[in-house]
Amino acid sequence: MTKAEITARWTGQQWSTQGLRDWSAGMTLKADYVRAEIATGKTGGHHCHWPGCTRKCAPAAWGCREHWYKLPPALRRRIWQTFRPGQEQSKTPSREYVLVAREVQEWIKQNHGPLKG
């Protein structure tokens, strides 16, 4: 499946819509989409969401590999579950994604302290 086909299946759709009835099939499509975005090497000025990190990364990625894996699996899973392919292009993340992103920032602050600068 091409990136365009994957994107077309996601545009304006929710998890329960036609074509994504099977949760694992939906996750595979989402993973394929994100992998394709990362493989392009394009960052479009997007950077890691870890406070103070200046590494550029694909807009479909939350952050750089190092910081993604510093997050607890439960938070990574919630980011992944609420991410909608294409939100990085339309700039319209779901309310759920924004709430999880805020929780992640709070977790970072509580567990890694303030940035030293």
C-alpha atoms as a PDB file:
ATOM      1  CA  MET A   1       0.000   0.000   0.000  1.00  0.00           C
ATOM      2  CA  THR A   2       1.399   3.395  -0.912  1.00  0.00           C
ATOM      3  CA  LYS A   3       1.684   6.318   1.490  1.00  0.00           C
ATOM      4  CA  ALA A   4      -1.067   8.102  -0.440  1.00  0.00           C
ATOM      5  CA  GLU A   5      -3.382   5.105  -0.066  1.00  0.00           C
ATOM      6  CA  ILE A   6      -2.663   4.883   3.651  1.00  0.00           C
ATOM      7  CA  THR A   7      -3.307   8.606   4.072  1.00  0.00           C
ATOM      8  CA  ALA A   8      -6.540   8.393   2.084  1.00  0.00           C
ATOM      9  CA  ARG A   9      -7.834   5.631   4.364  1.00  0.00           C
ATOM     10  CA  TRP A  10      -7.183   7.766   7.424  1.00  0.00           C
ATOM     11  CA  THR A  11      -8.329  11.206   6.312  1.00  0.00           C
ATOM     12  CA  GLY A  12     -11.290  12.224   8.417  1.00  0.00           C
ATOM     13  CA  GLN A  13     -11.854   8.710   9.711  1.00  0.00           C
ATOM     14  CA  GLN A  14     -12.005   7.280  13.214  1.00  0.00           C
ATOM     15  CA  TRP A  15     -10.850   3.867  14.451  1.00  0.00           C
ATOM     16  CA  SER A  16     -14.262   2.288  14.152  1.00  0.00           C
ATOM     17  CA  THR A  17     -14.962   3.319  10.567  1.00  0.00           C
ATOM     18  CA  GLN A  18     -15.155   1.022   7.565  1.00  0.00           C
ATOM     19  CA  GLY A  19     -11.819  -0.451   6.541  1.00  0.00           C
ATOM     20  CA  LEU A  20     -10.392  -0.253  10.054  1.00  0.00           C
ATOM     21  CA  ARG A  21     -12.699  -2.616  11.915  1.00  0.00           C
ATOM     22  CA  ASP A  22      -9.845  -4.811  13.008  1.00  0.00           C
ATOM     23  CA  TRP A  23      -7.738  -2.986  15.604  1.00  0.00           C
ATOM     24  CA  SER A  24      -4.530  -4.729  14.555  1.00  0.00           C
ATOM     25  CA  ALA A  25      -5.123  -3.841  10.904  1.00  0.00           C
ATOM     26  CA  GLY A  26      -5.626  -0.231  11.948  1.00  0.00           C
ATOM     27  CA  MET A  27      -2.412  -0.231  13.930  1.00  0.00           C
ATOM     28  CA  THR A  28      -0.546  -1.718  10.978  1.00  0.00           C
ATOM     29  CA  LEU A  29      -1.829   1.037   8.697  1.00  0.00           C
ATOM     30  CA  LYS A  30      -0.843   3.669  11.244  1.00  0.00           C
ATOM     31  CA  ALA A  31       2.617   2.149  11.667  1.00  0.00           C
ATOM     32  CA  ASP A  32       3.070   1.960   7.895  1.00  0.00           C
ATOM     33  CA  TYR A  33       2.088   5.620   7.611  1.00  0.00           C
ATOM     34  CA  VAL A  34       4.536   6.771  10.294  1.00  0.00           C
ATOM     35  CA  ARG A  35       7.357   4.586   8.921  1.00  0.00           C
ATOM     36  CA  ALA A  36       6.790   6.032   5.445  1.00  0.00           C
ATOM     37  CA  GLU A  37       6.907   9.566   6.847  1.00  0.00           C
ATOM     38  CA  ILE A  38      10.114   8.895   8.767  1.00  0.00           C
ATOM     39  CA  ALA A  39      11.691   7.215   5.727  1.00  0.00           C
ATOM     40  CA  THR A  40      11.298  10.402   3.679  1.00  0.00           C
ATOM     41  CA  GLY A  41      13.838  12.089   5.932  1.00  0.00           C
ATOM     42  CA  LYS A  42      11.833  15.310   5.733  1.00  0.00           C
ATOM     43  CA  THR A  43      11.417  17.232   8.965  1.00  0.00           C
ATOM     44  CA  GLY A  44       9.654  20.388   7.825  1.00  0.00           C
ATOM     45  CA  GLY A  45      11.128  22.167  10.815  1.00  0.00           C
ATOM     46  CA  HIS A  46       9.537  19.705  13.252  1.00  0.00           C
ATOM     47  CA  HIS A  47      11.570  18.892  16.322  1.00  0.00           C
ATOM     48  CA  CYS A  48      11.417  16.468  19.214  1.00  0.00           C
ATOM     49  CA  HIS A  49       8.803  17.369  21.851  1.00  0.00           C
ATOM     50  CA  TRP A  50      11.159  16.605  24.738  1.00  0.00           C
ATOM     51  CA  PRO A  51      11.866  19.934  26.449  1.00  0.00           C
ATOM     52  CA  GLY A  52      15.196  21.334  25.317  1.00  0.00           C
ATOM     53  CA  CYS A  53      15.808  18.768  22.582  1.00  0.00           C
ATOM     54  CA  THR A  54      16.639  20.397  19.267  1.00  0.00           C
ATOM     55  CA  ARG A  55      16.782  17.236  17.168  1.00  0.00           C
ATOM     56  CA  LYS A  56      14.708  17.404  14.009  1.00  0.00           C
ATOM     57  CA  CYS A  57      12.353  14.537  13.300  1.00  0.00           C
ATOM     58  CA  ALA A  58       9.557  13.617  10.921  1.00  0.00           C
ATOM     59  CA  PRO A  59       6.373  15.560  11.678  1.00  0.00           C
ATOM     60  CA  ALA A  60       4.496  12.266  12.164  1.00  0.00           C
ATOM     61  CA  ALA A  61       6.894  11.293  14.978  1.00  0.00           C
ATOM     62  CA  TRP A  62       6.391  12.543  18.541  1.00  0.00           C
ATOM     63  CA  GLY A  63      10.093  13.007  18.983  1.00  0.00           C
ATOM     64  CA  CYS A  64      13.559  11.652  18.459  1.00  0.00           C
ATOM     65  CA  ARG A  65      14.200   7.981  19.078  1.00  0.00           C
ATOM     66  CA  GLU A  66      16.188   8.591  22.274  1.00  0.00           C
ATOM     67  CA  HIS A  67      13.460  10.602  23.954  1.00  0.00           C
ATOM     68  CA  TRP A  68      10.572   8.492  22.657  1.00  0.00           C
ATOM     69  CA  TYR A  69      12.056   5.501  24.452  1.00  0.00           C
ATOM     70  CA  LYS A  70      12.612   7.480  27.670  1.00  0.00           C
ATOM     71  CA  LEU A  71       8.830   7.728  28.001  1.00  0.00           C
ATOM     72  CA  PRO A  72       7.119   4.916  29.895  1.00  0.00           C
ATOM     73  CA  PRO A  73       5.468   2.345  27.617  1.00  0.00           C
ATOM     74  CA  ALA A  74       2.017   3.313  28.875  1.00  0.00           C
ATOM     75  CA  LEU A  75       2.476   6.942  27.777  1.00  0.00           C
ATOM     76  CA  ARG A  76       3.952   5.911  24.418  1.00  0.00           C
ATOM     77  CA  ARG A  77       0.981   3.610  23.892  1.00  0.00           C
ATOM     78  CA  ARG A  78      -1.471   6.438  24.662  1.00  0.00           C
ATOM     79  CA  ILE A  79       0.286   8.833  22.285  1.00  0.00           C
ATOM     80  CA  TRP A  80       0.196   6.137  19.626  1.00  0.00           C
ATOM     81  CA  GLN A  81      -3.472   5.316  20.199  1.00  0.00           C
ATOM     82  CA  THR A  82      -4.570   8.952  19.953  1.00  0.00           C
ATOM     83  CA  PHE A  83      -2.362   9.915  16.991  1.00  0.00           C
ATOM     84  CA  ARG A  84      -4.291  10.248  13.732  1.00  0.00           C
ATOM     85  CA  PRO A  85      -2.193  10.019  10.563  1.00  0.00           C
ATOM     86  CA  GLY A  86      -2.370  13.330   8.777  1.00  0.00           C
ATOM     87  CA  GLN A  87      -2.822  15.431  11.931  1.00  0.00           C
ATOM     88  CA  GLU A  88       0.735  16.665  11.516  1.00  0.00           C
ATOM     89  CA  GLN A  89      -0.179  18.034   8.094  1.00  0.00           C
ATOM     90  CA  SER A  90      -3.613  19.445   8.913  1.00  0.00           C
ATOM     91  CA  LYS A  91      -2.397  20.758  12.291  1.00  0.00           C
ATOM     92  CA  THR A  92      -5.593  19.417  13.873  1.00  0.00           C
ATOM     93  CA  PRO A  93      -4.716  16.793  16.483  1.00  0.00           C
ATOM     94  CA  SER A  94      -7.607  15.272  18.370  1.00  0.00           C
ATOM     95  CA  ARG A  95      -8.555  16.584  21.787  1.00  0.00           C
ATOM     96  CA  GLU A  96      -7.443  13.235  23.216  1.00  0.00           C
ATOM     97  CA  TYR A  97      -4.000  13.556  21.611  1.00  0.00           C
ATOM     98  CA  VAL A  98      -3.537  17.051  23.034  1.00  0.00           C
ATOM     99  CA  LEU A  99      -4.521  15.854  26.519  1.00  0.00           C
ATOM    100  CA  VAL A 100      -2.041  12.980  26.350  1.00  0.00           C
ATOM    101  CA  ALA A 101       0.676  15.309  25.024  1.00  0.00           C
ATOM    102  CA  ARG A 102       0.137  17.546  28.067  1.00  0.00           C
ATOM    103  CA  GLU A 103       0.317  14.537  30.385  1.00  0.00           C
ATOM    104  CA  VAL A 104       3.600  13.550  28.749  1.00  0.00           C
ATOM    105  CA  GLN A 105       5.057  17.014  29.342  1.00  0.00           C
ATOM    106  CA  GLU A 106       3.961  16.860  32.986  1.00  0.00           C
ATOM    107  CA  TRP A 107       5.526  13.392  33.358  1.00  0.00           C
ATOM    108  CA  ILE A 108       8.795  14.676  31.897  1.00  0.00           C
ATOM    109  CA  LYS A 109       8.806  17.631  34.306  1.00  0.00           C
ATOM    110  CA  GLN A 110       8.081  15.422  37.328  1.00  0.00           C
ATOM    111  CA  ASN A 111      10.537  12.668  36.431  1.00  0.00           C
ATOM    112  CA  HIS A 112      13.386  14.534  34.771  1.00  0.00           C
ATOM    113  CA  GLY A 113      13.221  17.883  36.532  1.00  0.00           C
ATOM    114  CA  PRO A 114      13.538  21.332  35.053  1.00  0.00           C
ATOM    115  CA  LEU A 115      15.941  21.937  32.206  1.00  0.00           C
ATOM    116  CA  LYS A 116      19.309  23.237  33.163  1.00  0.00           C
ATOM    117  CA  GLY A 117      20.368  26.046  30.931  1.00  0.00           C
END
